[in-house]
Amino acid sequence: MADREKLQALIEKYGTPPDAPPGKRIVHTPLFQRVMDASSGALPYANAATFLDLPYRPEAAETADFGGLDVALIGVPLDLGVTNRSGTRYGPRAVRAVDRVGPFEHVLRVAPIVDHKLADVGDVRFSSRFSLQQSHADIEAFFDKVVTVGVIPLAVGGDHSVSHPILRAVGRKRPVGMIHVDAHCDTSGTLEGARFHHGGPFRQAVLDGVLDPERTIQIGIRGSSEMHAEFSHDSGMTVIHAEEFARMGVAAVIDKARAVVGLGPTYLTFDIDALDPAFAPGTGTPEIGGLTTREALDLLRGLAGLDIVGGDVVEVAPQYDSTNITAHAAAQMLFEILCLAVMALDRRRQGGR
């Protein structure tokens, strides 16, 4: 470095003092220091795996205030509603095992672990491993308890049918809007005598009065199931197909999503098959021509400021994921939704919208 004075200033600021304790890090940005102070300091590959390396608090479900948490991360290991390849019951375990996510979101400049009470509360307890209907009742009861005490629920599935009972809990007092990132609309009707499956949760949520279709936008839609999407259009949902996404560009899609959901309470659901199989092969119904992970990150980050009241990431099937990239992508999408949720929580606490 030619400027000796600048070099000396850097040495004085960033050089390790001889009397510094072993392992002491010198960080001058206050936010960065707070993130480091809030981090456990444990090795990312050590101890039992939890979502985003959060504290494990399964006992919170047994307390009156759900442990006093701000956000509860919940596993929903269910795949009784799949129409193609099974295996998403192992999704929560695979996502928990990802260790290279967070704690700081560098674009939004958010660190959810700072000043927020967060925990992985374990998985929904199912009373039957065979009955989809009973499992949905178990999910609704679990999430109803979370929502009733004012805790924000973030879930990892499981197949997409789990979003229906979650929405029944989140939208019980008033219908919510929804941002739905997926390859499929998931608004089909009865299939082979079954109303409840991963291809139709949002039709049922609208008919139950817990989801506002006119405040719902579906992004990344493509593939062979278009004939099942009549309800999306007839009910007033906004549908952006994958090829439209490419033509519009991420910024225009973000603007459209923000206009559709407005300022009201909004649920965010992310089916990992929204991503192109090049980025997420480990899923039950892969469809080529999807979003890249960078596009998905840009999309989610562009939703900052919305009133996010809950969310989920679903359809991770790790046995088709030989390199673990699907689980890694899912964990990052979950982290982005968590950041949006705590930002919304902070605004509500400050009296804003």
Protein backbone atom coordinates (compact mmCIF):
# COMPACT_ATOMS: atom_id res chain seq x y z
CA MET A 1 0.00 0.00 0.00
CA ALA A 2 1.53 3.28 -1.13
CA ASP A 3 -0.22 5.44 1.50
CA ARG A 4 1.74 4.67 4.67
CA GLU A 5 -0.56 6.77 6.85
CA LYS A 6 -3.60 4.82 5.66
CA LEU A 7 -1.80 1.55 6.29
CA GLN A 8 -0.86 2.62 9.79
CA ALA A 9 -4.46 3.62 10.50
CA LEU A 10 -5.66 0.18 9.35
CA ILE A 11 -3.06 -1.51 11.51
CA GLU A 12 -4.15 0.49 14.54
CA LYS A 13 -7.82 -0.26 13.89
CA TYR A 14 -7.69 -3.87 12.78
CA GLY A 15 -4.39 -5.21 14.05
CA THR A 16 -4.70 -7.54 17.04
CA PRO A 17 -3.39 -5.86 20.20
CA PRO A 18 -0.75 -7.93 21.99
CA ASP A 19 -2.89 -8.00 25.13
CA ALA A 20 -6.08 -9.20 23.33
CA PRO A 21 -7.60 -12.40 24.79
CA PRO A 22 -7.14 -15.54 22.64
CA GLY A 23 -9.82 -15.74 19.97
CA LYS A 24 -10.94 -12.14 20.49
CA ARG A 25 -12.48 -10.66 17.35
CA ILE A 26 -12.29 -6.96 16.68
CA VAL A 27 -15.50 -5.74 15.02
CA HIS A 28 -16.21 -2.04 14.79
CA THR A 29 -19.67 -2.03 13.18
CA PRO A 30 -22.19 -2.05 16.06
CA LEU A 31 -24.70 -4.25 14.26
CA PHE A 32 -22.03 -6.81 13.39
CA GLN A 33 -20.88 -6.88 17.00
CA ARG A 34 -24.45 -7.44 18.19
CA VAL A 35 -24.82 -10.33 15.75
CA MET A 36 -21.61 -11.89 17.01
CA ASP A 37 -22.62 -11.38 20.64
CA ALA A 38 -25.99 -13.02 19.97
CA SER A 39 -24.43 -16.00 18.18
CA SER A 40 -23.78 -19.06 20.24
CA GLY A 41 -20.20 -19.37 19.07
CA ALA A 42 -20.64 -23.11 18.72
CA LEU A 43 -19.24 -24.98 15.75
CA PRO A 44 -21.89 -25.06 12.99
CA TYR A 45 -21.36 -28.80 12.52
CA ALA A 46 -21.52 -29.71 16.21
CA ASN A 47 -24.39 -30.71 18.50
CA ALA A 48 -27.94 -31.65 17.51
CA ALA A 49 -29.19 -29.99 14.32
CA THR A 50 -31.95 -27.37 14.58
CA PHE A 51 -33.39 -24.95 12.05
CA LEU A 52 -30.82 -22.19 11.54
CA ASP A 53 -28.94 -23.42 14.63
CA LEU A 54 -31.63 -21.98 16.89
CA PRO A 55 -32.26 -23.16 20.45
CA TYR A 56 -34.30 -26.36 20.63
CA ARG A 57 -37.44 -25.71 22.69
CA PRO A 58 -39.93 -28.59 22.27
CA GLU A 59 -41.35 -27.88 25.72
CA ALA A 60 -42.66 -24.50 24.50
CA ALA A 61 -45.73 -26.24 23.07
CA GLU A 62 -46.74 -27.27 26.59
CA THR A 63 -46.65 -23.76 28.05
CA ALA A 64 -49.49 -21.24 28.14
CA ASP A 65 -47.56 -18.56 26.22
CA PHE A 66 -45.67 -20.97 23.93
CA GLY A 67 -42.43 -20.20 25.70
CA GLY A 68 -42.79 -16.45 25.24
CA LEU A 69 -41.38 -16.79 21.74
CA ASP A 70 -41.67 -14.23 18.97
CA VAL A 71 -41.27 -16.81 16.20
CA ALA A 72 -41.57 -20.59 16.36
CA LEU A 73 -39.97 -22.74 13.68
CA ILE A 74 -41.94 -25.95 13.33
CA GLY A 75 -41.37 -29.16 11.43
CA VAL A 76 -44.33 -30.80 9.71
CA PRO A 77 -43.05 -34.22 8.53
CA LEU A 78 -46.04 -35.36 6.50
CA ASP A 79 -46.30 -36.69 2.94
CA LEU A 80 -49.63 -38.50 2.90
CA GLY A 81 -50.97 -35.99 0.38
CA VAL A 82 -48.50 -36.43 -2.47
CA THR A 83 -49.56 -37.27 -6.02
CA ASN A 84 -46.14 -38.27 -7.34
CA ARG A 85 -42.91 -39.16 -5.53
CA SER A 86 -43.18 -39.51 -1.76
CA GLY A 87 -40.50 -38.64 0.77
CA THR A 88 -41.17 -35.09 1.97
CA ARG A 89 -41.75 -36.42 5.47
CA TYR A 90 -37.96 -36.30 5.69
CA GLY A 91 -37.83 -32.66 4.59
CA PRO A 92 -37.68 -31.05 8.04
CA ARG A 93 -34.81 -33.29 9.10
CA ALA A 94 -32.84 -32.48 5.93
CA VAL A 95 -33.36 -28.73 6.26
CA ARG A 96 -32.36 -28.82 9.92
CA ALA A 97 -29.05 -30.40 8.93
CA VAL A 98 -28.02 -27.42 6.75
CA ASP A 99 -25.36 -25.40 8.59
CA ARG A 100 -24.43 -22.57 6.21
CA VAL A 101 -27.38 -20.22 6.60
CA GLY A 102 -27.60 -17.02 8.63
CA PRO A 103 -27.34 -15.42 11.08
CA PHE A 104 -27.03 -12.15 9.08
CA GLU A 105 -28.99 -11.24 5.94
CA HIS A 106 -26.59 -8.93 4.14
CA VAL A 107 -29.07 -7.38 1.68
CA LEU A 108 -31.85 -6.63 4.15
CA ARG A 109 -29.25 -6.06 6.88
CA VAL A 110 -31.28 -8.08 9.34
CA ALA A 111 -30.15 -10.52 11.99
CA PRO A 112 -33.26 -12.21 13.39
CA ILE A 113 -31.39 -13.60 16.40
CA VAL A 114 -30.75 -10.06 17.64
CA ASP A 115 -33.51 -8.79 19.96
CA HIS A 116 -35.96 -11.58 19.07
CA LYS A 117 -36.95 -14.74 20.88
CA LEU A 118 -36.67 -17.54 18.35
CA ALA A 119 -36.61 -21.30 18.73
CA ASP A 120 -37.01 -24.56 16.90
CA VAL A 121 -39.91 -26.16 18.78
CA GLY A 122 -39.66 -29.53 17.11
CA ASP A 123 -42.27 -31.26 14.99
CA VAL A 124 -46.04 -31.40 15.05
CA ARG A 125 -47.12 -34.45 17.02
CA PHE A 126 -49.29 -36.69 14.84
CA SER A 127 -51.86 -39.00 16.36
CA SER A 128 -51.91 -41.18 13.23
CA ARG A 129 -49.27 -41.90 10.64
CA PHE A 130 -51.92 -43.28 8.26
CA SER A 131 -54.77 -40.72 8.21
CA LEU A 132 -54.22 -37.53 6.24
CA GLN A 133 -57.42 -36.00 7.59
CA GLN A 134 -56.43 -36.68 11.20
CA SER A 135 -52.94 -35.37 10.54
CA HIS A 136 -54.40 -32.14 9.19
CA ALA A 137 -56.48 -31.82 12.36
CA ASP A 138 -53.31 -32.27 14.42
CA ILE A 139 -51.52 -29.57 12.39
CA GLU A 140 -54.39 -27.11 12.75
CA ALA A 141 -54.60 -27.66 16.52
CA PHE A 142 -50.85 -27.18 16.94
CA PHE A 143 -50.69 -24.01 14.86
CA ASP A 144 -53.87 -22.64 16.40
CA LYS A 145 -52.11 -22.71 19.76
CA VAL A 146 -49.12 -20.89 18.29
CA VAL A 147 -51.20 -18.18 16.64
CA THR A 148 -53.56 -17.69 19.60
CA VAL A 149 -50.73 -16.50 21.86
CA GLY A 150 -49.32 -14.17 19.20
CA VAL A 151 -46.32 -16.24 18.09
CA ILE A 152 -45.44 -16.14 14.39
CA PRO A 153 -45.32 -19.66 12.93
CA LEU A 154 -42.78 -20.67 10.30
CA ALA A 155 -43.09 -24.24 9.08
CA VAL A 156 -41.06 -26.71 7.06
CA GLY A 157 -42.90 -29.57 5.38
CA GLY A 158 -43.87 -32.00 4.42
CA ASP A 159 -45.99 -31.85 1.32
CA HIS A 160 -47.99 -28.76 0.38
CA SER A 161 -51.22 -30.10 1.80
CA VAL A 162 -49.94 -28.97 5.22
CA SER A 163 -50.49 -25.33 4.27
CA HIS A 164 -54.27 -25.77 4.39
CA PRO A 165 -54.54 -26.54 8.12
CA ILE A 166 -51.88 -23.94 8.87
CA LEU A 167 -53.93 -21.31 7.03
CA ARG A 168 -57.03 -22.39 8.94
CA ALA A 169 -55.17 -21.38 12.09
CA VAL A 170 -53.46 -18.25 10.76
CA GLY A 171 -56.61 -16.96 9.02
CA ARG A 172 -59.15 -17.94 11.66
CA LYS A 173 -59.86 -14.39 12.85
CA ARG A 174 -59.64 -12.77 9.40
CA PRO A 175 -58.75 -14.07 5.95
CA VAL A 176 -55.15 -13.43 5.01
CA GLY A 177 -53.52 -12.61 1.72
CA MET A 178 -50.85 -14.89 0.35
CA ILE A 179 -47.70 -14.84 -1.72
CA HIS A 180 -47.35 -18.33 -3.17
CA VAL A 181 -44.12 -19.28 -4.95
CA ASP A 182 -44.54 -22.62 -6.70
CA ALA A 183 -44.52 -24.52 -9.98
CA HIS A 184 -48.19 -25.43 -9.46
CA CYS A 185 -51.27 -23.44 -8.43
CA ASP A 186 -52.41 -26.11 -5.95
CA THR A 187 -56.05 -25.11 -6.35
CA SER A 188 -57.42 -28.28 -7.89
CA GLY A 189 -60.51 -30.03 -6.57
CA THR A 190 -61.27 -33.60 -5.65
CA LEU A 191 -58.81 -36.13 -7.08
CA GLU A 192 -59.73 -39.80 -7.01
CA GLY A 193 -62.26 -39.16 -4.28
CA ALA A 194 -59.95 -37.06 -2.08
CA ARG A 195 -60.39 -33.33 -1.44
CA PHE A 196 -57.30 -33.02 0.75
CA HIS A 197 -53.98 -33.46 -1.05
CA HIS A 198 -51.00 -31.34 -1.98
CA GLY A 199 -52.60 -30.26 -5.26
CA GLY A 200 -55.54 -28.41 -3.72
CA PRO A 201 -54.82 -26.74 -0.34
CA PHE A 202 -55.55 -23.21 -1.49
CA ARG A 203 -58.93 -23.97 -3.04
CA GLN A 204 -59.96 -25.40 0.32
CA ALA A 205 -58.49 -22.44 2.22
CA VAL A 206 -60.52 -19.99 0.13
CA LEU A 207 -63.70 -22.04 0.53
CA ASP A 208 -63.06 -22.16 4.28
CA GLY A 209 -62.95 -18.36 4.37
CA VAL A 210 -59.39 -18.14 5.71
CA LEU A 211 -57.63 -17.08 2.49
CA ASP A 212 -58.54 -14.00 0.45
CA PRO A 213 -58.10 -14.95 -3.23
CA GLU A 214 -58.08 -11.34 -4.39
CA ARG A 215 -55.06 -10.74 -2.16
CA THR A 216 -53.28 -13.88 -3.39
CA ILE A 217 -50.54 -14.04 -6.00
CA GLN A 218 -49.03 -17.26 -7.37
CA ILE A 219 -45.56 -16.96 -8.87
CA GLY A 220 -43.52 -19.35 -11.04
CA ILE A 221 -46.42 -21.51 -12.26
CA ARG A 222 -45.65 -23.98 -15.05
CA GLY A 223 -45.77 -27.66 -15.97
CA SER A 224 -48.50 -30.11 -16.85
CA SER A 225 -51.18 -29.28 -14.28
CA GLU A 226 -52.64 -26.11 -15.82
CA MET A 227 -55.98 -27.82 -16.30
CA HIS A 228 -56.32 -27.95 -12.50
CA ALA A 229 -55.94 -24.17 -12.08
CA GLU A 230 -59.42 -22.95 -13.04
CA PHE A 231 -60.18 -22.04 -9.47
CA SER A 232 -57.20 -19.70 -9.25
CA HIS A 233 -58.49 -17.57 -12.11
CA ASP A 234 -62.19 -17.76 -11.25
CA SER A 235 -61.62 -16.79 -7.62
CA GLY A 236 -59.55 -13.73 -8.49
CA MET A 237 -56.04 -14.92 -7.72
CA THR A 238 -53.19 -13.35 -9.66
CA VAL A 239 -51.17 -15.99 -11.50
CA ILE A 240 -47.70 -15.30 -12.89
CA HIS A 241 -46.37 -18.17 -14.95
CA ALA A 242 -42.66 -18.90 -15.10
CA GLU A 243 -42.31 -17.58 -18.64
CA GLU A 244 -44.10 -14.37 -17.62
CA PHE A 245 -41.71 -14.08 -14.67
CA ALA A 246 -38.79 -14.20 -17.11
CA ARG A 247 -40.32 -11.57 -19.40
CA MET A 248 -41.41 -9.24 -16.61
CA GLY A 249 -38.22 -9.42 -14.58
CA VAL A 250 -37.92 -9.77 -10.82
CA ALA A 251 -38.49 -6.09 -10.05
CA ALA A 252 -41.82 -5.98 -11.89
CA VAL A 253 -42.98 -9.20 -10.23
CA ILE A 254 -42.12 -7.76 -6.83
CA ASP A 255 -44.14 -4.63 -7.61
CA LYS A 256 -47.08 -6.77 -8.69
CA ALA A 257 -46.90 -8.92 -5.56
CA ARG A 258 -46.80 -5.89 -3.30
CA ALA A 259 -49.76 -4.35 -5.09
CA VAL A 260 -51.83 -7.54 -4.84
CA VAL A 261 -51.34 -8.22 -1.12
CA GLY A 262 -51.26 -4.58 -0.05
CA LEU A 263 -50.80 -3.69 3.60
CA GLY A 264 -52.92 -6.46 5.11
CA PRO A 265 -51.76 -9.62 6.89
CA THR A 266 -50.02 -11.93 4.45
CA TYR A 267 -48.90 -15.54 4.51
CA LEU A 268 -45.85 -16.57 2.46
CA THR A 269 -45.62 -20.13 1.17
CA PHE A 270 -42.65 -21.40 -0.83
CA ASP A 271 -42.79 -24.75 -2.58
CA ILE A 272 -39.21 -25.76 -3.37
CA ASP A 273 -40.32 -26.98 -6.82
CA ALA A 274 -40.70 -23.32 -7.77
CA LEU A 275 -36.97 -23.56 -8.35
CA ASP A 276 -35.70 -25.18 -11.51
CA PRO A 277 -34.60 -28.80 -10.90
CA ALA A 278 -31.05 -27.68 -11.67
CA PHE A 279 -31.21 -25.91 -8.29
CA ALA A 280 -33.66 -28.17 -6.47
CA PRO A 281 -33.85 -31.73 -7.78
CA GLY A 282 -34.90 -33.14 -4.42
CA THR A 283 -38.65 -32.75 -4.68
CA GLY A 284 -41.63 -34.89 -5.58
CA THR A 285 -42.92 -33.03 -8.66
CA PRO A 286 -39.97 -31.34 -10.40
CA GLU A 287 -40.78 -29.07 -13.37
CA ILE A 288 -38.09 -27.70 -15.69
CA GLY A 289 -38.02 -24.01 -16.55
CA GLY A 290 -38.25 -22.70 -13.01
CA LEU A 291 -36.70 -19.91 -11.01
CA THR A 292 -33.02 -19.77 -10.16
CA THR A 293 -32.02 -19.47 -6.53
CA ARG A 294 -30.77 -15.95 -7.17
CA GLU A 295 -34.12 -14.93 -8.66
CA ALA A 296 -35.93 -16.45 -5.70
CA LEU A 297 -33.72 -14.61 -3.22
CA ASP A 298 -34.24 -11.32 -5.06
CA LEU A 299 -37.99 -11.92 -5.06
CA LEU A 300 -38.20 -12.63 -1.34
CA ARG A 301 -35.93 -9.75 -0.39
CA GLY A 302 -38.14 -7.44 -2.43
CA LEU A 303 -41.07 -8.24 -0.13
CA ALA A 304 -39.53 -6.45 2.84
CA GLY A 305 -42.09 -4.18 4.48
CA LEU A 306 -45.10 -6.43 3.97
CA ASP A 307 -47.11 -7.64 6.96
CA ILE A 308 -45.90 -11.23 7.00
CA VAL A 309 -47.79 -13.18 9.67
CA GLY A 310 -46.52 -16.68 8.91
CA GLY A 311 -44.95 -18.82 6.26
CA ASP A 312 -43.68 -22.19 5.17
CA VAL A 313 -41.21 -23.96 2.92
CA VAL A 314 -42.45 -27.31 1.65
CA GLU A 315 -41.89 -30.28 -0.67
CA VAL A 316 -38.24 -31.04 0.09
CA ALA A 317 -37.68 -34.76 -0.57
CA PRO A 318 -34.03 -35.40 0.35
CA GLN A 319 -33.76 -38.90 -1.06
CA TYR A 320 -33.76 -37.36 -4.57
CA ASP A 321 -31.19 -34.76 -3.51
CA SER A 322 -27.80 -36.40 -3.93
CA THR A 323 -25.78 -33.23 -3.38
CA ASN A 324 -27.98 -31.67 -0.66
CA ILE A 325 -28.54 -28.54 -2.74
CA THR A 326 -32.33 -28.71 -2.42
CA ALA A 327 -32.25 -28.73 1.36
CA HIS A 328 -29.68 -25.93 1.32
CA ALA A 329 -31.89 -23.82 -0.93
CA ALA A 330 -34.90 -24.53 1.26
CA ALA A 331 -33.03 -23.50 4.41
CA GLN A 332 -32.01 -20.22 2.77
CA MET A 333 -35.58 -19.51 1.66
CA LEU A 334 -36.76 -20.23 5.20
CA PHE A 335 -34.17 -17.80 6.55
CA GLU A 336 -35.37 -15.10 4.14
CA ILE A 337 -38.98 -15.61 5.26
CA LEU A 338 -37.85 -15.44 8.88
CA CYS A 339 -36.15 -12.11 8.18
CA LEU A 340 -39.32 -10.75 6.58
CA ALA A 341 -41.38 -11.97 9.54
CA VAL A 342 -39.23 -10.33 12.22
CA MET A 343 -39.13 -7.09 10.23
CA ALA A 344 -42.93 -7.13 10.12
CA LEU A 345 -43.07 -7.92 13.83
CA ASP A 346 -40.82 -4.95 14.63
CA ARG A 347 -43.04 -2.61 12.62
CA ARG A 348 -46.17 -3.85 14.38
CA ARG A 349 -44.53 -3.31 17.76
CA GLN A 350 -43.58 0.19 16.76
CA GLY A 351 -47.17 0.92 15.86
CA GLY A 352 -46.52 0.98 12.12
CA ARG A 353 -47.95 -1.12 9.32
